[in-house]
Amino acid sequence: TIDGPAGTGVSLTNLNDRGQIIGLYAPTGDP
């Protein structure tokens, strides 16, 4: 399981062969 910065909810969208992962999150809790 991977949560966003500061434990926020997150959606992961892709990754590369180096294991770097990208995604999006709600920094203020506002969806």
PDB file of all heavy atoms in Angstrom:
ATOM      1  N   THR A   1       0.837  -1.195   0.000  1.00  0.00           N
ATOM      2  CA  THR A   1       0.000   0.000   0.000  1.00  0.00           C
ATOM      3  C   THR A   1       0.875   1.250   0.000  1.00  0.00           C
ATOM      4  O   THR A   1       1.865   1.334   0.721  1.00  0.00           O
ATOM      5  CB  THR A   1      -0.922   0.016   1.237  1.00  0.00           C
ATOM      6  OG1 THR A   1      -1.880  -1.041   1.114  1.00  0.00           O
ATOM      7  CG2 THR A   1      -1.670   1.342   1.354  1.00  0.00           C
ATOM      8  N   ILE A   2       0.506   2.210  -0.829  1.00  0.00           N
ATOM      9  CA  ILE A   2       1.228   3.472  -0.924  1.00  0.00           C
ATOM     10  C   ILE A   2       0.240   4.615  -0.795  1.00  0.00           C
ATOM     11  O   ILE A   2      -0.674   4.752  -1.619  1.00  0.00           O
ATOM     12  CB  ILE A   2       1.987   3.594  -2.265  1.00  0.00           C
ATOM     13  CG1 ILE A   2       3.039   2.491  -2.382  1.00  0.00           C
ATOM     14  CG2 ILE A   2       2.627   4.969  -2.407  1.00  0.00           C
ATOM     15  CD1 ILE A   2       3.752   2.451  -3.718  1.00  0.00           C
ATOM     16  N   ASP A   3       0.386   5.422   0.249  1.00  0.00           N
ATOM     17  CA  ASP A   3      -0.433   6.610   0.417  1.00  0.00           C
ATOM     18  C   ASP A   3       0.359   7.832  -0.007  1.00  0.00           C
ATOM     19  O   ASP A   3       1.575   7.785  -0.173  1.00  0.00           O
ATOM     20  CB  ASP A   3      -0.902   6.746   1.865  1.00  0.00           C
ATOM     21  CG  ASP A   3      -2.011   5.756   2.202  1.00  0.00           C
ATOM     22  OD1 ASP A   3      -2.863   5.526   1.331  1.00  0.00           O
ATOM     23  OD2 ASP A   3      -2.020   5.216   3.318  1.00  0.00           O
ATOM     24  N   GLY A   4      -0.338   8.951  -0.171  1.00  0.00           N
ATOM     25  CA  GLY A   4       0.298  10.164  -0.635  1.00  0.00           C
ATOM     26  C   GLY A   4       1.089  10.854   0.455  1.00  0.00           C
ATOM     27  O   GLY A   4       1.203  10.365   1.587  1.00  0.00           O
ATOM     28  N   PRO A   5       1.669  12.018   0.139  1.00  0.00           N
ATOM     29  CA  PRO A   5       2.407  12.796   1.140  1.00  0.00           C
ATOM     30  C   PRO A   5       1.553  13.043   2.375  1.00  0.00           C
ATOM     31  O   PRO A   5       0.371  13.343   2.286  1.00  0.00           O
ATOM     32  CB  PRO A   5       2.716  14.104   0.399  1.00  0.00           C
ATOM     33  CG  PRO A   5       2.716  13.721  -1.040  1.00  0.00           C
ATOM     34  CD  PRO A   5       1.672  12.663  -1.182  1.00  0.00           C
ATOM     35  N   ALA A   6       2.147  12.881   3.560  1.00  0.00           N
ATOM     36  CA  ALA A   6       1.459  13.088   4.847  1.00  0.00           C
ATOM     37  C   ALA A   6       0.276  12.146   5.027  1.00  0.00           C
ATOM     38  O   ALA A   6      -0.653  12.439   5.779  1.00  0.00           O
ATOM     39  CB  ALA A   6       1.012  14.543   4.980  1.00  0.00           C
ATOM     40  N   GLY A   7       0.311  10.987   4.346  1.00  0.00           N
ATOM     41  CA  GLY A   7      -0.729   9.988   4.544  1.00  0.00           C
ATOM     42  C   GLY A   7      -2.028  10.275   3.834  1.00  0.00           C
ATOM     43  O   GLY A   7      -3.066   9.695   4.170  1.00  0.00           O
ATOM     44  N   THR A   8      -2.027  11.173   2.871  1.00  0.00           N
ATOM     45  CA  THR A   8      -3.247  11.519   2.154  1.00  0.00           C
ATOM     46  C   THR A   8      -3.665  10.399   1.211  1.00  0.00           C
ATOM     47  O   THR A   8      -2.872   9.558   0.821  1.00  0.00           O
ATOM     48  CB  THR A   8      -3.036  12.801   1.334  1.00  0.00           C
ATOM     49  OG1 THR A   8      -1.901  12.619   0.476  1.00  0.00           O
ATOM     50  CG2 THR A   8      -2.794  13.997   2.234  1.00  0.00           C
ATOM     51  N   GLY A   9      -4.960  10.411   0.840  1.00  0.00           N
ATOM     52  CA  GLY A   9      -5.439   9.480  -0.156  1.00  0.00           C
ATOM     53  C   GLY A   9      -4.750   9.745  -1.476  1.00  0.00           C
ATOM     54  O   GLY A   9      -4.339  10.876  -1.772  1.00  0.00           O
ATOM     55  N   VAL A  10      -4.621   8.709  -2.289  1.00  0.00           N
ATOM     56  CA  VAL A  10      -3.795   8.841  -3.481  1.00  0.00           C
ATOM     57  C   VAL A  10      -4.301   7.927  -4.584  1.00  0.00           C
ATOM     58  O   VAL A  10      -4.952   6.906  -4.326  1.00  0.00           O
ATOM     59  CB  VAL A  10      -2.328   8.502  -3.137  1.00  0.00           C
ATOM     60  CG1 VAL A  10      -2.182   7.033  -2.794  1.00  0.00           C
ATOM     61  CG2 VAL A  10      -1.390   8.871  -4.271  1.00  0.00           C
ATOM     62  N   SER A  11      -4.011   8.313  -5.824  1.00  0.00           N
ATOM     63  CA  SER A  11      -4.239   7.465  -6.980  1.00  0.00           C
ATOM     64  C   SER A  11      -2.937   7.384  -7.752  1.00  0.00           C
ATOM     65  O   SER A  11      -2.395   8.413  -8.172  1.00  0.00           O
ATOM     66  CB  SER A  11      -5.350   8.037  -7.866  1.00  0.00           C
ATOM     67  OG  SER A  11      -5.545   7.233  -9.017  1.00  0.00           O
ATOM     68  N   LEU A  12      -2.398   6.186  -7.934  1.00  0.00           N
ATOM     69  CA  LEU A  12      -1.156   5.999  -8.676  1.00  0.00           C
ATOM     70  C   LEU A  12      -1.504   5.727 -10.137  1.00  0.00           C
ATOM     71  O   LEU A  12      -2.396   4.946 -10.441  1.00  0.00           O
ATOM     72  CB  LEU A  12      -0.356   4.837  -8.102  1.00  0.00           C
ATOM     73  CG  LEU A  12      -0.043   4.913  -6.605  1.00  0.00           C
ATOM     74  CD1 LEU A  12       0.807   3.721  -6.174  1.00  0.00           C
ATOM     75  CD2 LEU A  12       0.645   6.217  -6.257  1.00  0.00           C
ATOM     76  N   THR A  13      -0.766   6.374 -11.049  1.00  0.00           N
ATOM     77  CA  THR A  13      -1.123   6.280 -12.458  1.00  0.00           C
ATOM     78  C   THR A  13      -0.104   5.534 -13.320  1.00  0.00           C
ATOM     79  O   THR A  13      -0.471   4.967 -14.341  1.00  0.00           O
ATOM     80  CB  THR A  13      -1.339   7.682 -13.054  1.00  0.00           C
ATOM     81  OG1 THR A  13      -0.158   8.475 -12.841  1.00  0.00           O
ATOM     82  CG2 THR A  13      -2.530   8.367 -12.387  1.00  0.00           C
ATOM     83  N   ASN A  14       1.186   5.538 -12.933  1.00  0.00           N
ATOM     84  CA  ASN A  14       2.158   4.832 -13.750  1.00  0.00           C
ATOM     85  C   ASN A  14       3.490   4.741 -13.022  1.00  0.00           C
ATOM     86  O   ASN A  14       3.665   5.331 -11.944  1.00  0.00           O
ATOM     87  CB  ASN A  14       2.349   5.505 -15.113  1.00  0.00           C
ATOM     88  CG  ASN A  14       2.450   4.498 -16.247  1.00  0.00           C
ATOM     89  OD1 ASN A  14       3.120   3.484 -16.116  1.00  0.00           O
ATOM     90  ND2 ASN A  14       1.785   4.784 -17.363  1.00  0.00           N
ATOM     91  N   LEU A  15       4.443   4.020 -13.614  1.00  0.00           N
ATOM     92  CA  LEU A  15       5.790   3.887 -13.054  1.00  0.00           C
ATOM     93  C   LEU A  15       6.749   3.536 -14.169  1.00  0.00           C
ATOM     94  O   LEU A  15       6.343   3.074 -15.241  1.00  0.00           O
ATOM     95  CB  LEU A  15       5.838   2.839 -11.948  1.00  0.00           C
ATOM     96  CG  LEU A  15       5.848   1.345 -12.337  1.00  0.00           C
ATOM     97  CD1 LEU A  15       6.209   0.508 -11.108  1.00  0.00           C
ATOM     98  CD2 LEU A  15       4.532   0.877 -12.928  1.00  0.00           C
ATOM     99  N   ASN A  16       8.035   3.753 -13.913  1.00  0.00           N
ATOM    100  CA  ASN A  16       9.046   3.401 -14.910  1.00  0.00           C
ATOM    101  C   ASN A  16       9.863   2.206 -14.442  1.00  0.00           C
ATOM    102  O   ASN A  16       9.619   1.635 -13.376  1.00  0.00           O
ATOM    103  CB  ASN A  16       9.938   4.610 -15.242  1.00  0.00           C
ATOM    104  CG  ASN A  16      10.724   5.127 -14.040  1.00  0.00           C
ATOM    105  OD1 ASN A  16      10.917   4.419 -13.045  1.00  0.00           O
ATOM    106  ND2 ASN A  16      11.191   6.359 -14.126  1.00  0.00           N
ATOM    107  N   ASP A  17      10.856   1.818 -15.242  1.00  0.00           N
ATOM    108  CA  ASP A  17      11.649   0.630 -14.921  1.00  0.00           C
ATOM    109  C   ASP A  17      12.609   0.869 -13.757  1.00  0.00           C
ATOM    110  O   ASP A  17      13.189  -0.082 -13.226  1.00  0.00           O
ATOM    111  CB  ASP A  17      12.426   0.167 -16.148  1.00  0.00           C
ATOM    112  CG  ASP A  17      11.516  -0.345 -17.248  1.00  0.00           C
ATOM    113  OD1 ASP A  17      10.342  -0.641 -16.959  1.00  0.00           O
ATOM    114  OD2 ASP A  17      11.973  -0.446 -18.415  1.00  0.00           O
ATOM    115  N   ARG A  18      12.805   2.107 -13.382  1.00  0.00           N
ATOM    116  CA  ARG A  18      13.645   2.438 -12.226  1.00  0.00           C
ATOM    117  C   ARG A  18      12.855   2.400 -10.927  1.00  0.00           C
ATOM    118  O   ARG A  18      13.407   2.634  -9.853  1.00  0.00           O
ATOM    119  CB  ARG A  18      14.271   3.819 -12.411  1.00  0.00           C
ATOM    120  CG  ARG A  18      15.217   3.917 -13.604  1.00  0.00           C
ATOM    121  CD  ARG A  18      15.617   5.350 -13.887  1.00  0.00           C
ATOM    122  NE  ARG A  18      16.233   5.974 -12.718  1.00  0.00           N
ATOM    123  CZ  ARG A  18      16.475   7.278 -12.615  1.00  0.00           C
ATOM    124  NH1 ARG A  18      16.132   8.094 -13.605  1.00  0.00           N
ATOM    125  NH2 ARG A  18      17.054   7.771 -11.547  1.00  0.00           N
ATOM    126  N   GLY A  19      11.548   2.132 -11.023  1.00  0.00           N
ATOM    127  CA  GLY A  19      10.723   2.064  -9.827  1.00  0.00           C
ATOM    128  C   GLY A  19      10.176   3.406  -9.380  1.00  0.00           C
ATOM    129  O   GLY A  19       9.575   3.505  -8.308  1.00  0.00           O
ATOM    130  N   GLN A  20      10.359   4.457 -10.174  1.00  0.00           N
ATOM    131  CA  GLN A  20       9.778   5.759  -9.851  1.00  0.00           C
ATOM    132  C   GLN A  20       8.292   5.733 -10.194  1.00  0.00           C
ATOM    133  O   GLN A  20       7.902   5.317 -11.284  1.00  0.00           O
ATOM    134  CB  GLN A  20      10.484   6.869 -10.624  1.00  0.00           C
ATOM    135  CG  GLN A  20      11.947   7.038 -10.243  1.00  0.00           C
ATOM    136  CD  GLN A  20      12.656   8.044 -11.133  1.00  0.00           C
ATOM    137  OE1 GLN A  20      12.581   7.965 -12.351  1.00  0.00           O
ATOM    138  NE2 GLN A  20      13.356   8.988 -10.518  1.00  0.00           N
ATOM    139  N   ILE A  21       7.472   6.182  -9.263  1.00  0.00           N
ATOM    140  CA  ILE A  21       6.023   6.089  -9.376  1.00  0.00           C
ATOM    141  C   ILE A  21       5.424   7.485  -9.437  1.00  0.00           C
ATOM    142  O   ILE A  21       5.855   8.388  -8.716  1.00  0.00           O
ATOM    143  CB  ILE A  21       5.436   5.321  -8.174  1.00  0.00           C
ATOM    144  CG1 ILE A  21       5.968   3.876  -8.148  1.00  0.00           C
ATOM    145  CG2 ILE A  21       3.910   5.328  -8.206  1.00  0.00           C
ATOM    146  CD1 ILE A  21       5.612   3.125  -6.885  1.00  0.00           C
ATOM    147  N   ILE A  22       4.428   7.659 -10.292  1.00  0.00           N
ATOM    148  CA  ILE A  22       3.723   8.934 -10.348  1.00  0.00           C
ATOM    149  C   ILE A  22       2.262   8.741  -9.958  1.00  0.00           C
ATOM    150  O   ILE A  22       1.700   7.647 -10.062  1.00  0.00           O
ATOM    151  CB  ILE A  22       3.795   9.576 -11.751  1.00  0.00           C
ATOM    152  CG1 ILE A  22       3.245   8.617 -12.824  1.00  0.00           C
ATOM    153  CG2 ILE A  22       5.214   9.992 -12.067  1.00  0.00           C
ATOM    154  CD1 ILE A  22       3.160   9.250 -14.205  1.00  0.00           C
ATOM    155  N   GLY A  23       1.646   9.824  -9.501  1.00  0.00           N
ATOM    156  CA  GLY A  23       0.249   9.771  -9.104  1.00  0.00           C
ATOM    157  C   GLY A  23      -0.262  11.157  -8.761  1.00  0.00           C
ATOM    158  O   GLY A  23       0.388  12.165  -9.017  1.00  0.00           O
ATOM    159  N   LEU A  24      -1.442  11.203  -8.172  1.00  0.00           N
ATOM    160  CA  LEU A  24      -2.034  12.467  -7.765  1.00  0.00           C
ATOM    161  C   LEU A  24      -2.669  12.316  -6.395  1.00  0.00           C
ATOM    162  O   LEU A  24      -3.035  11.214  -5.978  1.00  0.00           O
ATOM    163  CB  LEU A  24      -3.058  12.951  -8.782  1.00  0.00           C
ATOM    164  CG  LEU A  24      -4.303  12.110  -9.051  1.00  0.00           C
ATOM    165  CD1 LEU A  24      -5.418  12.984  -9.635  1.00  0.00           C
ATOM    166  CD2 LEU A  24      -3.997  10.993 -10.051  1.00  0.00           C
ATOM    167  N   TYR A  25      -2.783  13.446  -5.687  1.00  0.00           N
ATOM    168  CA  TYR A  25      -3.332  13.440  -4.330  1.00  0.00           C
ATOM    169  C   TYR A  25      -3.978  14.791  -4.062  1.00  0.00           C
ATOM    170  O   TYR A  25      -3.790  15.762  -4.805  1.00  0.00           O
ATOM    171  CB  TYR A  25      -2.230  13.149  -3.307  1.00  0.00           C
ATOM    172  CG  TYR A  25      -1.325  14.328  -3.025  1.00  0.00           C
ATOM    173  CD1 TYR A  25      -1.392  15.013  -1.810  1.00  0.00           C
ATOM    174  CD2 TYR A  25      -0.404  14.784  -3.973  1.00  0.00           C
ATOM    175  CE1 TYR A  25      -0.559  16.101  -1.551  1.00  0.00           C
ATOM    176  CE2 TYR A  25       0.420  15.857  -3.720  1.00  0.00           C
ATOM    177  CZ  TYR A  25       0.337  16.517  -2.507  1.00  0.00           C
ATOM    178  OH  TYR A  25       1.147  17.597  -2.261  1.00  0.00           O
ATOM    179  N   ALA A  26      -4.773  14.852  -2.986  1.00  0.00           N
ATOM    180  CA  ALA A  26      -5.441  16.085  -2.577  1.00  0.00           C
ATOM    181  C   ALA A  26      -4.660  16.690  -1.415  1.00  0.00           C
ATOM    182  O   ALA A  26      -4.794  16.231  -0.278  1.00  0.00           O
ATOM    183  CB  ALA A  26      -6.885  15.808  -2.181  1.00  0.00           C
ATOM    184  N   PRO A  27      -3.836  17.709  -1.650  1.00  0.00           N
ATOM    185  CA  PRO A  27      -2.978  18.245  -0.584  1.00  0.00           C
ATOM    186  C   PRO A  27      -3.740  18.876   0.578  1.00  0.00           C
ATOM    187  O   PRO A  27      -3.260  18.888   1.705  1.00  0.00           O
ATOM    188  CB  PRO A  27      -2.126  19.293  -1.312  1.00  0.00           C
ATOM    189  CG  PRO A  27      -2.911  19.662  -2.522  1.00  0.00           C
ATOM    190  CD  PRO A  27      -3.643  18.427  -2.922  1.00  0.00           C
ATOM    191  N   THR A  28      -4.937  19.380   0.322  1.00  0.00           N
ATOM    192  CA  THR A  28      -5.725  20.017   1.383  1.00  0.00           C
ATOM    193  C   THR A  28      -6.906  19.164   1.815  1.00  0.00           C
ATOM    194  O   THR A  28      -7.690  19.581   2.669  1.00  0.00           O
ATOM    195  CB  THR A  28      -6.242  21.387   0.908  1.00  0.00           C
ATOM    196  OG1 THR A  28      -7.150  21.184  -0.197  1.00  0.00           O
ATOM    197  CG2 THR A  28      -5.096  22.272   0.460  1.00  0.00           C
ATOM    198  N   GLY A  29      -7.047  17.983   1.220  1.00  0.00           N
ATOM    199  CA  GLY A  29      -8.204  17.144   1.508  1.00  0.00           C
ATOM    200  C   GLY A  29      -9.402  17.453   0.638  1.00  0.00           C
ATOM    201  O   GLY A  29     -10.403  16.747   0.667  1.00  0.00           O
ATOM    202  N   ASP A  30      -9.315  18.513  -0.176  1.00  0.00           N
ATOM    203  CA  ASP A  30     -10.382  18.899  -1.090  1.00  0.00           C
ATOM    204  C   ASP A  30     -10.256  18.084  -2.372  1.00  0.00           C
ATOM    205  O   ASP A  30      -9.276  18.238  -3.110  1.00  0.00           O
ATOM    206  CB  ASP A  30     -10.283  20.389  -1.403  1.00  0.00           C
ATOM    207  CG  ASP A  30     -11.377  20.867  -2.353  1.00  0.00           C
ATOM    208  OD1 ASP A  30     -12.206  20.036  -2.781  1.00  0.00           O
ATOM    209  OD2 ASP A  30     -11.395  22.072  -2.666  1.00  0.00           O
ATOM    210  N   PRO A  31     -11.225  17.198  -2.680  1.00  0.00           N
ATOM    211  CA  PRO A  31     -11.102  16.333  -3.862  1.00  0.00           C
ATOM    212  C   PRO A  31     -11.157  17.081  -5.181  1.00  0.00           C
ATOM    213  O   PRO A  31     -10.877  16.503  -6.235  1.00  0.00           O
ATOM    214  CB  PRO A  31     -12.294  15.369  -3.715  1.00  0.00           C
ATOM    215  CG  PRO A  31     -13.287  16.117  -2.892  1.00  0.00           C
ATOM    216  CD  PRO A  31     -12.474  16.949  -1.943  1.00  0.00           C
TER     217      PRO A  31
END
